[in-house]
Structures are given as structure tokens and as C-alpha cells.
Amino acid sequence: MANNVQELTRNEFDGFIKEGLTLVDFFADWCMPCIMMGPVIEELGGKFTGKIKFGKINVDDNNDIAGRFRVASIPNFILFKNGQVLDRFVGAMPVEDFEEKLKEHL
């Protein structure tokens, strides 16, 4: 994985989403749509450098955080602004559609 998307631990999560716009990808290694979205998130992380931070968190390793944000289906993408949920996207989608959704919040 390139450095456009940071894999987060439970200890890093709250600090990571605290300031600015942050997109977090809630995923699991066994989830095929999650695997398919990996390169999409990586590409978007490059396109939005300096505007949106990108992180990902494994729901199997961090089910407490997934529960806190009511992540029931994956892939689940939550856009935070200064630590507060701004928007949520569930399921796989083409990079163009995802990019348009993110641009609405810039």
C-alpha cells in the first residue's frame, strides 16, 4: 500500500479524525468489495492530498470503533469533519462517483 492511506489502530483513530476533513475506510481482509475498493481509495487519497486525509481501519481488529459508528455493512466509508460524522458511503462504487461525492464537501 502506498502512503496515501494510513492504516489506523484504535489508539490512533481519535487523533487522526480530530482535525479537518478525514475519510475512514472501514474494511475487512475477507471482504471482496473492500478489496476492490482499496485501489480506489488509494487513488482518491492521492487526488485529495492536502484537502482530505485518508485512513482505513480493520473492523475485525477494531470492532469497538466499528460499533461506535454503527458500521454494520462493509465497505463503509465515513467522512469526518473535525471529529464529527459529516457523511457516510456504503458499498463499492466507481472512482468517479466517489470523487464527486467527496468534492461536494470541499
Protein backbone atom coordinates (compact mmCIF):
# COMPACT_ATOMS: atom_id res chain seq x y z
CA MET A 1 0.00 0.00 0.00
CA ALA A 2 1.28 3.44 -0.88
CA ASN A 3 1.27 6.19 1.70
CA ASN A 4 -1.94 7.91 0.54
CA VAL A 5 -4.00 5.91 3.03
CA GLN A 6 -2.88 5.29 6.61
CA GLU A 7 -3.97 2.06 8.31
CA LEU A 8 -5.15 3.06 11.77
CA THR A 9 -5.13 1.35 15.13
CA ARG A 10 -7.65 2.01 17.89
CA ASN A 11 -5.02 4.17 19.63
CA GLU A 12 -4.52 6.39 16.57
CA PHE A 13 -8.14 6.68 15.42
CA ASP A 14 -9.48 9.58 17.50
CA GLY A 15 -6.38 11.70 16.93
CA PHE A 16 -6.49 11.01 13.19
CA ILE A 17 -10.09 12.21 12.72
CA LYS A 18 -9.82 15.14 15.17
CA GLU A 19 -8.97 17.96 12.73
CA GLY A 20 -10.05 18.77 9.20
CA LEU A 21 -11.73 16.51 6.66
CA THR A 22 -10.92 12.82 7.08
CA LEU A 23 -12.26 9.82 5.20
CA VAL A 24 -12.03 6.50 7.00
CA ASP A 25 -12.50 3.21 5.15
CA PHE A 26 -13.95 0.55 7.46
CA PHE A 27 -12.91 -2.77 5.89
CA ALA A 28 -12.10 -6.43 6.46
CA ASP A 29 -9.48 -8.59 4.76
CA TRP A 30 -12.09 -11.23 3.80
CA CYS A 31 -14.47 -8.70 2.18
CA MET A 32 -14.17 -8.81 -1.63
CA PRO A 33 -15.86 -5.41 -2.23
CA CYS A 34 -13.46 -3.94 0.38
CA ILE A 35 -10.50 -5.38 -1.51
CA MET A 36 -11.87 -3.99 -4.77
CA MET A 37 -12.21 -0.51 -3.22
CA GLY A 38 -8.61 -0.48 -1.92
CA PRO A 39 -7.08 0.92 -5.15
CA VAL A 40 -9.97 3.41 -5.49
CA ILE A 41 -9.31 4.82 -2.00
CA GLU A 42 -5.58 4.88 -2.73
CA GLU A 43 -6.17 6.87 -5.94
CA LEU A 44 -8.52 9.31 -4.21
CA GLY A 45 -6.02 9.73 -1.38
CA GLY A 46 -3.54 10.96 -3.99
CA LYS A 47 -6.05 13.25 -5.71
CA PHE A 48 -7.19 14.91 -2.48
CA THR A 49 -3.76 15.32 -0.85
CA GLY A 50 -3.80 18.40 1.37
CA LYS A 51 -7.62 18.58 1.31
CA ILE A 52 -8.80 15.29 2.85
CA LYS A 53 -6.83 12.80 4.96
CA PHE A 54 -7.48 9.14 4.19
CA GLY A 55 -7.32 6.32 6.67
CA LYS A 56 -8.59 2.77 6.97
CA ILE A 57 -9.47 0.62 9.90
CA ASN A 58 -9.95 -3.14 10.02
CA VAL A 59 -13.34 -3.89 11.59
CA ASP A 60 -12.24 -7.34 12.74
CA ASP A 61 -9.35 -5.88 14.75
CA ASN A 62 -11.28 -2.80 15.91
CA ASN A 63 -14.89 -3.89 16.36
CA ASP A 64 -15.31 -1.39 19.22
CA ILE A 65 -14.73 1.53 16.83
CA ALA A 66 -16.93 -0.06 14.16
CA GLY A 67 -19.67 -0.43 16.76
CA ARG A 68 -19.26 3.15 17.94
CA PHE A 69 -20.09 4.38 14.44
CA ARG A 70 -22.73 1.68 13.78
CA VAL A 71 -20.79 0.11 10.92
CA ALA A 72 -22.99 -2.87 10.04
CA SER A 73 -22.07 -3.30 6.35
CA ILE A 74 -18.67 -3.05 4.70
CA PRO A 75 -17.07 -1.44 2.86
CA ASN A 76 -18.27 1.55 4.83
CA PHE A 77 -16.69 4.96 4.34
CA ILE A 78 -17.23 7.73 6.86
CA LEU A 79 -16.26 11.30 6.14
CA PHE A 80 -15.45 13.22 9.31
CA LYS A 81 -15.04 16.95 9.79
CA ASN A 82 -13.20 17.87 12.98
CA GLY A 83 -14.12 14.52 14.53
CA GLN A 84 -17.84 14.68 13.68
CA VAL A 85 -19.55 12.46 11.09
CA LEU A 86 -20.25 14.57 8.00
CA ASP A 87 -21.30 11.88 5.52
CA ARG A 88 -21.28 8.12 5.02
CA PHE A 89 -20.98 5.97 1.91
CA VAL A 90 -21.69 2.23 1.95
CA GLY A 91 -20.66 -0.29 -0.69
CA ALA A 92 -18.38 -0.35 -3.68
CA MET A 93 -18.59 2.41 -6.29
CA PRO A 94 -16.57 3.66 -9.26
CA VAL A 95 -13.78 6.13 -8.50
CA GLU A 96 -15.55 8.87 -10.48
CA ASP A 97 -18.72 8.61 -8.38
CA PHE A 98 -16.76 8.58 -5.13
CA GLU A 99 -14.72 11.60 -6.23
CA GLU A 100 -17.91 13.57 -6.97
CA LYS A 101 -19.33 12.74 -3.53
CA LEU A 102 -16.13 13.96 -1.85
CA LYS A 103 -15.98 17.16 -3.94
CA GLU A 104 -19.43 18.13 -2.58
CA HIS A 105 -17.81 18.61 0.85
CA LEU A 106 -14.81 20.72 -0.18
